[in-house]
Structure formats: C-alpha cells, structure tokens
Amino acid sequence: MRVQACLNGARPACFHPGLPLSEAEVARDAAACAEAGAVALHLHPRNARLVESLAPEVIRGAVMAARLSGLPVSVSTGGWIMGDDARRRAMIASWALLGEGRPEEASINLSEPDAPAVIDALHASGIGVEAGLASVQDAERFLALDRGCRRVLVEVPDLPPDQAVPLAKAILGRLDAAGHGAERQLHGEGRSVWPCFDLAAELGLMARLGLEDGTDLPDGRRADGNVALIRAGLARAARRA
C-alpha cells in the first residue's frame, strides 16, 4: 500500500512533542518515515520563527530538508498561511525560480474561493497540483473547472466512522461518474483517520498518515510520532491483504 506521510500540518508546537517544525526536525522525520515505508511526503514549511510561510526561501529550505529522505515532497498552499490571495499567488509564482528547491507537488483546497487561480499559478511554476476535495460540492467544482492535476485528495473531516465512510464514498463516486482518471488519495482527520485508511486499503488507493491528520494509533493509544503512525498503518494494511 502507498502511504504519504503528512508530517506537521498547521499544528502548533504544543500539539504533540514529536511534531517536526524546524528544517532539522523535518529532515530527521522525513528520513525516518521513508525508512518506515512511506512513499511521499506532505508538509507545511515554517520560517525561523516556526510560523507557516509560503516565502520562496522558506519553501526551498523545507523542501531540501525533506528531500534528503529521497521521497517526493508536497507542500500546502492553504489560504490562511498568507491571508491574502494576491500575495499567495505571487509567492507561488516565485517558486518557479527555486530550481531543485521547488516541491514536486502542492495541495490546494477546492473549498477556497481563489482555488482556480492558485491551480493556474502552480501549473505556471511547473508544480504538480494535489486537488483537495472535502465534500461532494468540492468535487463538483473541481470537475467543472476542468483543470489538470497530478492527484486528487479526498479529504474527510473529523467525523464518526458511520459518517466518514459514506462521505468518502460519495466523493469518490462523483469522480467515478465523471470518469476522472487522476491518481486518488484518501485520508481522514481525527476520528476519520482509520476508517478512511481502511477504505483506501480496500479500494487500492493511496492513503495518508501523520500528525497533520491525527495522533492516535488504531487501538486508541497516542502515537509517539509520525513514524509510529506509518508503521501501524502499513502493518494494518498487510494484515488485511
């Protein structure tokens, strides 16, 4: 099973003692996740003050640190990071000049009003798009935009399993009905993490695990970090194969 490790998200430093925020911490965690079996990385780069940033020098530093693992790197473009859509697009445009420090992919939430322009900016900078869909409405908008992407992220919010799984299936079903052929990744947040992971394993989809999405192991114990979550997920998938 293919699993992307989501290392930190928008979580504050106090969220978990194992949360990697600095470049050195990201480098260590990325390497350990690769050794544990992750095939890709997703992260929210931080500046020297450990605040999320889209500034090119911050992106380059985080990407280069993570890429020491040998894995491809995706970064977030979340609208909250800059708080201004025009500035966000300008920062993304500057990533075209980063050379080897440019991320392979970047994610965009289709629920954000500026999503179409951000997708265009990523394409112009030569960066693959991960299109995040958290609802059937997001899927409808994504399909109507008809813009290319490298990967569709079906992202289920923190819901009880009896709500999380039907929502994931509804979003995937809309993509199936449209015949959209991009690679799909399925992942959940909080209570949705393991139900969505199990569904991804059942359907043969890429999954995602890490402290951005949740801290708990399948048995309810708190994981000591990203590596424990990756190992638990891969072991769980292997037992169910």
Protein backbone atom coordinates (compact mmCIF):
# COMPACT_ATOMS: atom_id res chain seq x y z
CA MET A 1 0.00 0.00 0.00
CA ARG A 2 1.24 3.50 -0.87
CA VAL A 3 1.22 5.95 2.04
CA GLN A 4 2.13 9.64 2.05
CA ALA A 5 3.44 10.91 5.40
CA CYS A 6 1.87 14.25 6.42
CA LEU A 7 4.46 15.50 8.84
CA ASN A 8 3.09 18.58 10.59
CA GLY A 9 0.14 20.42 9.05
CA ALA A 10 -0.95 23.69 10.62
CA ARG A 11 -0.50 22.25 14.10
CA PRO A 12 1.05 24.45 16.83
CA ALA A 13 4.26 23.34 18.52
CA CYS A 14 2.32 22.36 21.66
CA PHE A 15 0.13 19.91 19.73
CA HIS A 16 2.50 16.95 20.07
CA PRO A 17 6.08 16.60 21.38
CA GLY A 18 7.08 14.75 18.20
CA LEU A 19 5.79 17.41 15.79
CA PRO A 20 8.59 18.32 13.31
CA LEU A 21 8.68 22.05 12.58
CA SER A 22 12.28 23.19 12.03
CA GLU A 23 14.25 22.14 8.95
CA ALA A 24 16.42 19.84 11.05
CA GLU A 25 13.37 18.17 12.59
CA VAL A 26 11.70 17.82 9.19
CA ALA A 27 14.84 16.23 7.74
CA ARG A 28 15.06 13.68 10.56
CA ASP A 29 11.37 12.81 10.49
CA ALA A 30 11.22 12.59 6.70
CA ALA A 31 14.15 10.18 6.61
CA ALA A 32 12.62 8.03 9.35
CA CYS A 33 9.24 7.93 7.59
CA ALA A 34 10.92 6.89 4.35
CA GLU A 35 12.70 4.08 6.17
CA ALA A 36 9.36 3.04 7.72
CA GLY A 37 7.83 2.66 4.25
CA ALA A 38 6.25 6.00 3.28
CA VAL A 39 6.46 6.74 -0.44
CA ALA A 40 5.88 10.52 -0.38
CA LEU A 41 5.81 13.49 2.00
CA HIS A 42 3.46 16.39 2.65
CA LEU A 43 4.41 19.28 4.89
CA HIS A 44 3.68 22.85 5.92
CA PRO A 45 7.00 24.73 5.84
CA ARG A 46 7.88 27.05 8.72
CA ASN A 47 10.11 30.12 8.86
CA ALA A 48 12.78 30.74 11.51
CA ARG A 49 10.03 31.70 13.98
CA LEU A 50 8.29 28.37 13.23
CA VAL A 51 5.37 30.19 11.59
CA GLU A 52 3.85 28.77 8.39
CA SER A 53 5.10 30.57 5.31
CA LEU A 54 4.97 30.42 1.51
CA ALA A 55 8.06 32.61 1.08
CA PRO A 56 10.39 31.05 -1.51
CA GLU A 57 13.38 30.83 0.83
CA VAL A 58 11.24 29.00 3.41
CA ILE A 59 9.80 26.62 0.83
CA ARG A 60 13.25 25.87 -0.55
CA GLY A 61 14.75 25.18 2.88
CA ALA A 62 11.94 22.84 3.94
CA VAL A 63 11.79 21.02 0.61
CA MET A 64 15.55 20.45 0.51
CA ALA A 65 15.50 19.19 4.10
CA ALA A 66 12.64 16.77 3.42
CA ARG A 67 14.08 15.60 0.12
CA LEU A 68 17.17 14.24 1.86
CA SER A 69 14.85 11.30 2.52
CA GLY A 70 14.78 10.52 -1.20
CA LEU A 71 10.99 10.98 -1.36
CA PRO A 72 8.95 13.47 -3.42
CA VAL A 73 7.68 16.46 -1.45
CA SER A 74 4.31 18.19 -1.44
CA VAL A 75 3.63 21.46 0.39
CA SER A 76 0.44 23.21 1.44
CA THR A 77 -0.86 26.40 -0.15
CA GLY A 78 -3.59 26.92 2.49
CA GLY A 79 -5.25 30.31 2.20
CA TRP A 80 -4.78 31.04 5.91
CA ILE A 81 -0.98 31.00 5.54
CA MET A 82 -0.78 34.35 3.74
CA GLY A 83 -4.24 35.68 4.47
CA ASP A 84 -4.28 37.42 1.08
CA ASP A 85 -4.96 35.68 -2.21
CA ALA A 86 -2.88 38.01 -4.38
CA ARG A 87 0.16 37.59 -2.12
CA ARG A 88 -0.33 33.84 -2.11
CA ARG A 89 -0.32 33.69 -5.91
CA ALA A 90 2.75 35.95 -6.06
CA MET A 91 4.64 33.68 -3.68
CA ILE A 92 3.71 30.60 -5.72
CA ALA A 93 4.84 32.35 -8.91
CA SER A 94 8.24 32.90 -7.30
CA TRP A 95 8.64 29.15 -6.73
CA ALA A 96 9.33 28.74 -10.44
CA LEU A 97 12.84 30.08 -9.76
CA LEU A 98 13.66 27.65 -6.94
CA GLY A 99 15.28 25.01 -9.15
CA GLU A 100 15.92 21.85 -7.15
CA GLY A 101 14.26 23.51 -4.15
CA ARG A 102 10.90 23.50 -5.88
CA PRO A 103 8.37 20.99 -4.49
CA GLU A 104 7.15 18.24 -6.75
CA GLU A 105 3.55 18.96 -5.74
CA ALA A 106 1.43 21.40 -3.78
CA SER A 107 -2.07 20.98 -2.41
CA ILE A 108 -4.99 23.37 -2.87
CA ASN A 109 -8.35 23.18 -1.11
CA LEU A 110 -11.17 23.38 -3.66
CA SER A 111 -13.35 24.98 -0.98
CA GLU A 112 -11.22 28.14 -1.17
CA PRO A 113 -12.61 30.86 -3.47
CA ASP A 114 -9.24 31.50 -5.11
CA ALA A 115 -8.57 27.82 -5.87
CA PRO A 116 -8.77 28.14 -9.70
CA ALA A 117 -6.18 30.94 -9.77
CA VAL A 118 -3.90 29.05 -7.37
CA ILE A 119 -4.10 25.96 -9.59
CA ASP A 120 -3.12 28.10 -12.57
CA ALA A 121 -0.20 29.60 -10.62
CA LEU A 122 1.06 26.15 -9.66
CA HIS A 123 0.86 24.96 -13.26
CA ALA A 124 2.76 28.07 -14.40
CA SER A 125 5.50 27.32 -11.85
CA GLY A 126 5.82 23.72 -13.04
CA ILE A 127 4.46 22.22 -9.82
CA GLY A 128 2.05 19.30 -9.73
CA VAL A 129 -1.38 20.01 -8.25
CA GLU A 130 -2.94 17.98 -5.45
CA ALA A 131 -6.62 18.97 -5.51
CA GLY A 132 -8.20 18.65 -2.06
CA LEU A 133 -11.89 17.67 -2.02
CA ALA A 134 -13.65 17.62 1.35
CA SER A 135 -17.24 17.47 0.06
CA VAL A 136 -19.29 16.45 -2.95
CA GLN A 137 -19.62 20.18 -3.69
CA ASP A 138 -15.83 20.43 -3.87
CA ALA A 139 -15.83 17.52 -6.31
CA GLU A 140 -18.46 19.21 -8.46
CA ARG A 141 -16.44 22.42 -8.56
CA PHE A 142 -13.24 20.56 -9.35
CA LEU A 143 -14.83 18.73 -12.25
CA ALA A 144 -16.43 21.91 -13.60
CA LEU A 145 -13.08 23.72 -13.57
CA ASP A 146 -11.60 21.03 -15.84
CA ARG A 147 -8.02 21.87 -14.86
CA GLY A 148 -5.38 19.17 -14.84
CA CYS A 149 -3.99 17.83 -11.59
CA ARG A 150 -1.49 15.21 -10.54
CA ARG A 151 -3.51 13.81 -7.65
CA VAL A 152 -6.99 14.19 -6.20
CA LEU A 153 -7.05 14.24 -2.40
CA VAL A 154 -10.33 13.01 -0.93
CA GLU A 155 -10.08 14.64 2.50
CA VAL A 156 -12.68 13.63 5.08
CA PRO A 157 -13.01 15.88 8.13
CA ASP A 158 -13.23 14.65 11.72
CA LEU A 159 -16.42 12.58 11.70
CA PRO A 160 -17.69 9.35 13.28
CA PRO A 161 -16.97 6.31 11.10
CA ASP A 162 -20.61 5.91 10.10
CA GLN A 163 -20.46 9.39 8.56
CA ALA A 164 -16.84 9.45 7.36
CA VAL A 165 -17.02 6.38 5.13
CA PRO A 166 -20.25 7.36 3.32
CA LEU A 167 -18.85 10.85 2.66
CA ALA A 168 -15.64 9.39 1.21
CA LYS A 169 -17.63 7.03 -0.99
CA ALA A 170 -19.89 9.85 -2.18
CA ILE A 171 -16.93 11.99 -3.26
CA LEU A 172 -15.20 9.05 -4.93
CA GLY A 173 -18.47 8.10 -6.61
CA ARG A 174 -18.80 11.55 -8.14
CA LEU A 175 -15.29 11.25 -9.58
CA ASP A 176 -16.12 7.77 -10.89
CA ALA A 177 -19.29 9.04 -12.56
CA ALA A 178 -17.27 11.71 -14.36
CA GLY A 179 -14.59 9.22 -15.41
CA HIS A 180 -11.84 11.36 -13.89
CA GLY A 181 -8.61 9.43 -14.13
CA ALA A 182 -6.12 11.28 -11.92
CA GLU A 183 -4.48 9.35 -9.08
CA ARG A 184 -6.58 9.43 -5.92
CA GLN A 185 -5.51 9.66 -2.32
CA LEU A 186 -7.98 9.11 0.51
CA HIS A 187 -7.40 10.28 4.04
CA GLY A 188 -9.31 11.40 7.10
CA GLU A 189 -8.78 13.68 10.09
CA GLY A 190 -9.27 12.78 13.75
CA ARG A 191 -11.93 10.07 14.09
CA SER A 192 -11.97 9.64 10.31
CA VAL A 193 -8.28 8.64 10.02
CA TRP A 194 -8.51 4.87 10.40
CA PRO A 195 -11.92 4.30 8.76
CA CYS A 196 -10.66 6.18 5.70
CA PHE A 197 -7.34 4.36 5.79
CA ASP A 198 -9.15 1.02 5.79
CA LEU A 199 -11.33 2.14 2.88
CA ALA A 200 -8.27 3.28 0.93
CA ALA A 201 -6.66 -0.13 1.51
CA GLU A 202 -9.85 -1.89 0.39
CA LEU A 203 -10.06 0.18 -2.80
CA GLY A 204 -6.33 0.10 -3.58
CA LEU A 205 -5.92 3.86 -3.21
CA MET A 206 -3.02 5.88 -1.89
CA ALA A 207 -3.51 6.83 1.78
CA ARG A 208 -2.02 9.43 4.10
CA LEU A 209 -0.97 9.23 7.74
CA GLY A 210 0.79 11.59 10.10
CA LEU A 211 0.43 14.17 12.82
CA GLU A 212 -1.29 16.62 10.49
CA ASP A 213 -4.29 14.27 10.39
CA GLY A 214 -4.29 12.60 13.80
CA THR A 215 -2.27 11.35 16.72
CA ASP A 216 -3.93 8.06 17.62
CA LEU A 217 -2.95 4.52 16.69
CA PRO A 218 -5.69 2.09 15.62
CA ASP A 219 -6.02 0.80 19.20
CA GLY A 220 -6.61 4.31 20.54
CA ARG A 221 -3.19 4.81 22.09
CA ARG A 222 -1.40 8.06 21.30
CA ALA A 223 1.43 7.57 18.81
CA ASP A 224 4.82 8.93 19.76
CA GLY A 225 5.25 10.45 16.29
CA ASN A 226 4.82 10.14 12.55
CA VAL A 227 6.92 7.01 12.19
CA ALA A 228 4.71 5.06 14.59
CA LEU A 229 1.63 6.03 12.58
CA ILE A 230 3.23 4.98 9.27
CA ARG A 231 4.36 1.64 10.68
CA ALA A 232 0.98 0.96 12.25
CA GLY A 233 -0.82 1.74 9.01
CA LEU A 234 1.37 -0.43 6.82
CA ALA A 235 1.17 -3.32 9.29
CA ARG A 236 -2.63 -2.94 9.40
CA ALA A 237 -2.87 -2.98 5.61
CA ALA A 238 -0.61 -6.02 5.36
CA ARG A 239 -2.78 -7.98 7.82
CA ARG A 240 -5.90 -7.15 5.81
CA ALA A 241 -4.38 -8.00 2.42
